Amino acid sequence: MKKRILILLSSILTLVALSGAASACTATLYQPELPEALKK
């Protein structure tokens, strides 16, 4: 019984960690347009 609780708890915590990491990573993929003045 104790082993099942630990497996369930670790699975839930893994999902929470992955969802937090995924939401943080989407902001780093955004790259705004480069202004013409900086392209020179």
Protein backbone atom coordinates (compact mmCIF):
# COMPACT_ATOMS: atom_id res chain seq x y z
CA MET A 1 0.00 0.00 0.00
CA LYS A 2 2.81 2.39 0.90
CA LYS A 3 4.53 1.72 -2.42
CA ARG A 4 1.37 2.59 -4.38
CA ILE A 5 1.01 5.90 -2.53
CA LEU A 6 4.65 6.78 -3.26
CA ILE A 7 4.22 5.92 -6.96
CA LEU A 8 1.05 8.00 -7.18
CA LEU A 9 2.67 10.93 -5.39
CA SER A 10 5.77 10.83 -7.59
CA SER A 11 3.62 10.70 -10.73
CA ILE A 12 1.58 13.72 -9.66
CA LEU A 13 4.69 15.70 -8.74
CA THR A 14 6.31 14.82 -12.07
CA LEU A 15 3.27 16.10 -13.97
CA VAL A 16 3.29 19.33 -11.94
CA ALA A 17 7.00 19.84 -12.63
CA LEU A 18 6.62 19.17 -16.37
CA SER A 19 3.66 21.52 -16.71
CA GLY A 20 5.59 24.28 -14.92
CA ALA A 21 8.62 23.77 -17.13
CA ALA A 22 6.51 23.72 -20.29
CA SER A 23 4.78 26.99 -19.44
CA ALA A 24 8.11 28.67 -18.70
CA CYS A 25 9.68 27.49 -21.95
CA THR A 26 7.03 28.92 -24.25
CA ALA A 27 8.04 32.47 -23.34
CA THR A 28 11.63 31.84 -24.47
CA LEU A 29 10.52 30.79 -27.95
CA TYR A 30 9.04 34.22 -28.71
CA GLN A 31 11.32 36.40 -30.82
CA PRO A 32 10.06 39.85 -31.77
CA GLU A 33 10.73 41.39 -35.18
CA LEU A 34 14.12 43.08 -35.55
CA PRO A 35 13.81 46.81 -36.29
CA GLU A 36 15.27 48.08 -39.57
CA ALA A 37 17.70 50.39 -37.70
CA LEU A 38 19.36 47.40 -36.04
CA LYS A 39 19.73 45.39 -39.26
CA LYS A 40 22.51 47.63 -40.59
